[in-house]
């Protein structure tokens, strides 16, 4: 895991997705987060692209980012 800017909740809940689908987290400059967000979008209407706990963590991250943007 090289992208140390990823929050610990994402790392813990999305470890499988990061390892298998997002270049093992070795992408930098937010590209791992972008990858996870793409997986979450791809998951809409399906249940097999991203695990529920990872989807929840990505959704929480997006919600917090939106909230902080408007503070």
N, C-alpha and C. Protein backbone atom coordinates (compact mmCIF):
# COMPACT_ATOMS: atom_id res chain seq x y z
N UNK A 1 0.85 -1.17 0.00
CA UNK A 1 0.00 0.00 0.00
C UNK A 1 0.90 1.23 0.00
N UNK A 2 0.87 1.99 -1.06
CA UNK A 2 1.72 3.15 -1.18
C UNK A 2 0.98 4.48 -1.08
N UNK A 3 -0.31 4.50 -1.37
CA UNK A 3 -1.07 5.74 -1.33
C UNK A 3 -1.51 6.00 0.09
N UNK A 4 -0.64 6.63 0.87
CA UNK A 4 -0.88 6.82 2.30
C UNK A 4 -1.95 7.86 2.58
N UNK A 5 -2.44 8.55 1.56
CA UNK A 5 -3.49 9.54 1.78
C UNK A 5 -4.85 8.88 1.93
N UNK A 6 -4.95 7.59 1.70
CA UNK A 6 -6.22 6.89 1.85
C UNK A 6 -6.56 6.77 3.32
N UNK A 7 -7.81 7.04 3.66
CA UNK A 7 -8.17 6.98 5.07
C UNK A 7 -8.20 5.54 5.56
N UNK A 8 -7.92 5.33 6.85
CA UNK A 8 -7.80 3.97 7.39
C UNK A 8 -9.07 3.13 7.26
N UNK A 9 -10.24 3.76 7.33
CA UNK A 9 -11.49 3.02 7.16
C UNK A 9 -11.56 2.40 5.76
N UNK A 10 -11.18 3.17 4.77
CA UNK A 10 -11.17 2.67 3.39
C UNK A 10 -10.20 1.50 3.26
N UNK A 11 -9.01 1.66 3.81
CA UNK A 11 -8.00 0.59 3.72
C UNK A 11 -8.52 -0.68 4.38
N UNK A 12 -9.13 -0.55 5.56
CA UNK A 12 -9.62 -1.72 6.29
C UNK A 12 -10.81 -2.38 5.60
N UNK A 13 -11.73 -1.59 5.11
CA UNK A 13 -12.96 -2.15 4.56
C UNK A 13 -12.86 -2.53 3.08
N UNK A 14 -11.87 -1.99 2.40
CA UNK A 14 -11.74 -2.24 0.95
C UNK A 14 -10.44 -2.95 0.60
N UNK A 15 -9.86 -3.65 1.56
CA UNK A 15 -8.57 -4.29 1.32
C UNK A 15 -8.60 -5.25 0.13
N UNK A 16 -9.64 -6.03 0.00
CA UNK A 16 -9.73 -7.00 -1.10
C UNK A 16 -9.84 -6.28 -2.44
N UNK A 17 -10.70 -5.26 -2.50
CA UNK A 17 -10.87 -4.51 -3.75
C UNK A 17 -9.59 -3.79 -4.14
N UNK A 18 -8.91 -3.23 -3.15
CA UNK A 18 -7.65 -2.53 -3.43
C UNK A 18 -6.62 -3.50 -4.00
N UNK A 19 -6.51 -4.67 -3.37
CA UNK A 19 -5.52 -5.65 -3.82
C UNK A 19 -5.85 -6.23 -5.20
N UNK A 20 -7.11 -6.56 -5.42
CA UNK A 20 -7.49 -7.25 -6.65
C UNK A 20 -7.82 -6.33 -7.82
N UNK A 21 -8.39 -5.15 -7.53
CA UNK A 21 -8.93 -4.34 -8.61
C UNK A 21 -8.29 -2.96 -8.76
N UNK A 22 -7.50 -2.55 -7.77
CA UNK A 22 -6.95 -1.18 -7.78
C UNK A 22 -5.43 -1.18 -7.64
N UNK A 23 -4.78 -2.01 -8.39
CA UNK A 23 -3.31 -2.06 -8.45
C UNK A 23 -2.64 -2.19 -7.09
N UNK A 24 -3.27 -2.95 -6.20
CA UNK A 24 -2.74 -3.21 -4.87
C UNK A 24 -2.47 -1.94 -4.07
N UNK A 25 -3.13 -0.84 -4.43
CA UNK A 25 -2.98 0.41 -3.70
C UNK A 25 -1.70 1.13 -4.02
N UNK A 26 -1.01 0.72 -5.06
CA UNK A 26 0.28 1.34 -5.38
C UNK A 26 0.13 2.60 -6.24
N UNK A 27 -1.09 2.92 -6.63
CA UNK A 27 -1.32 4.15 -7.38
C UNK A 27 -1.27 5.32 -6.41
N UNK A 28 -0.83 6.45 -6.88
CA UNK A 28 -0.70 7.63 -6.02
C UNK A 28 -1.62 8.73 -6.50
N UNK A 29 -1.60 9.83 -5.77
CA UNK A 29 -2.35 11.04 -6.11
C UNK A 29 -3.85 10.78 -6.21
N UNK A 30 -4.38 9.97 -5.31
CA UNK A 30 -5.81 9.74 -5.26
C UNK A 30 -6.36 8.74 -6.26
N UNK A 31 -5.49 8.11 -7.04
CA UNK A 31 -5.97 7.19 -8.06
C UNK A 31 -6.58 5.92 -7.46
N UNK A 32 -6.13 5.50 -6.29
CA UNK A 32 -6.75 4.34 -5.64
C UNK A 32 -8.18 4.69 -5.23
N UNK A 33 -8.38 5.88 -4.69
CA UNK A 33 -9.72 6.32 -4.32
C UNK A 33 -10.58 6.42 -5.58
N UNK A 34 -10.04 6.97 -6.65
CA UNK A 34 -10.78 7.05 -7.91
C UNK A 34 -11.21 5.66 -8.37
N UNK A 35 -10.31 4.70 -8.25
CA UNK A 35 -10.60 3.32 -8.64
C UNK A 35 -11.76 2.78 -7.80
N UNK A 36 -11.71 2.98 -6.49
CA UNK A 36 -12.77 2.49 -5.61
C UNK A 36 -14.10 3.17 -5.92
N UNK A 37 -14.05 4.45 -6.22
CA UNK A 37 -15.28 5.16 -6.56
C UNK A 37 -15.85 4.63 -7.88
N UNK A 38 -14.99 4.33 -8.82
CA UNK A 38 -15.44 3.73 -10.09
C UNK A 38 -16.09 2.38 -9.85
N UNK A 39 -15.50 1.58 -8.97
CA UNK A 39 -16.08 0.28 -8.63
C UNK A 39 -17.45 0.45 -7.98
N UNK A 40 -17.57 1.44 -7.11
CA UNK A 40 -18.86 1.69 -6.45
C UNK A 40 -19.93 2.07 -7.48
N UNK A 41 -19.56 2.91 -8.44
CA UNK A 41 -20.50 3.27 -9.50
C UNK A 41 -20.85 2.07 -10.36
N UNK A 42 -19.86 1.27 -10.67
CA UNK A 42 -20.06 0.06 -11.47
C UNK A 42 -20.97 -0.92 -10.74
N UNK A 43 -20.97 -0.88 -9.43
CA UNK A 43 -21.74 -1.80 -8.60
C UNK A 43 -23.24 -1.48 -8.60
N UNK A 44 -23.61 -0.26 -9.01
CA UNK A 44 -25.02 0.13 -8.98
C UNK A 44 -25.86 -0.87 -9.77
N UNK A 45 -26.86 -1.40 -9.13
CA UNK A 45 -27.74 -2.38 -9.76
C UNK A 45 -27.19 -3.79 -9.73
N UNK A 46 -26.01 -3.96 -9.18
CA UNK A 46 -25.38 -5.27 -9.06
C UNK A 46 -24.94 -5.43 -7.61
N UNK A 47 -24.51 -6.61 -7.26
CA UNK A 47 -24.01 -6.81 -5.91
C UNK A 47 -22.68 -7.56 -5.88
N UNK A 48 -22.05 -7.70 -7.02
CA UNK A 48 -20.87 -8.54 -7.07
C UNK A 48 -19.58 -7.82 -7.45
N UNK A 49 -19.64 -6.50 -7.62
CA UNK A 49 -18.47 -5.75 -8.04
C UNK A 49 -17.63 -5.33 -6.84
N UNK A 50 -18.29 -4.95 -5.77
CA UNK A 50 -17.62 -4.43 -4.59
C UNK A 50 -18.37 -4.97 -3.36
N UNK A 51 -17.63 -5.33 -2.34
CA UNK A 51 -18.27 -5.88 -1.14
C UNK A 51 -19.06 -4.79 -0.40
N UNK A 52 -20.12 -5.18 0.30
CA UNK A 52 -20.97 -4.20 0.98
C UNK A 52 -20.21 -3.29 1.95
N UNK A 53 -19.26 -3.85 2.70
CA UNK A 53 -18.53 -3.02 3.66
C UNK A 53 -17.65 -1.98 2.96
N UNK A 54 -17.12 -2.32 1.81
CA UNK A 54 -16.32 -1.37 1.04
C UNK A 54 -17.22 -0.30 0.44
N UNK A 55 -18.35 -0.73 -0.10
CA UNK A 55 -19.31 0.23 -0.66
C UNK A 55 -19.74 1.23 0.41
N UNK A 56 -19.99 0.75 1.61
CA UNK A 56 -20.39 1.62 2.71
C UNK A 56 -19.27 2.60 3.06
N UNK A 57 -18.03 2.12 3.12
CA UNK A 57 -16.89 2.99 3.44
C UNK A 57 -16.70 4.07 2.38
N UNK A 58 -16.83 3.70 1.12
CA UNK A 58 -16.69 4.67 0.02
C UNK A 58 -17.83 5.69 0.10
N UNK A 59 -19.03 5.22 0.37
CA UNK A 59 -20.18 6.13 0.50
C UNK A 59 -19.98 7.10 1.66
N UNK A 60 -19.49 6.59 2.79
CA UNK A 60 -19.21 7.46 3.95
C UNK A 60 -18.17 8.51 3.61
N UNK A 61 -17.13 8.10 2.89
CA UNK A 61 -16.07 9.03 2.51
C UNK A 61 -16.64 10.13 1.61
N UNK A 62 -17.46 9.73 0.64
CA UNK A 62 -18.06 10.72 -0.26
C UNK A 62 -18.96 11.68 0.50
N UNK A 63 -19.75 11.15 1.43
CA UNK A 63 -20.66 11.97 2.22
C UNK A 63 -19.87 12.98 3.05
N UNK A 64 -18.78 12.54 3.69
CA UNK A 64 -17.96 13.44 4.50
C UNK A 64 -17.30 14.51 3.64
N UNK A 65 -16.85 14.14 2.46
CA UNK A 65 -16.22 15.10 1.56
C UNK A 65 -17.20 16.18 1.13
N UNK A 66 -18.42 15.77 0.84
CA UNK A 66 -19.45 16.74 0.44
C UNK A 66 -19.79 17.65 1.62
N UNK A 67 -19.93 17.07 2.80
CA UNK A 67 -20.24 17.85 3.99
C UNK A 67 -19.15 18.88 4.27
N UNK A 68 -17.88 18.45 4.20
CA UNK A 68 -16.76 19.36 4.46
C UNK A 68 -16.66 20.45 3.41
N UNK A 69 -17.06 20.15 2.22
CA UNK A 69 -16.98 21.14 1.14
C UNK A 69 -17.92 22.31 1.41
N UNK A 70 -19.05 22.02 2.05
CA UNK A 70 -20.05 23.06 2.27
C UNK A 70 -19.98 23.67 3.67
N UNK A 71 -18.96 23.35 4.44
CA UNK A 71 -18.81 23.96 5.77
C UNK A 71 -18.16 25.31 5.68
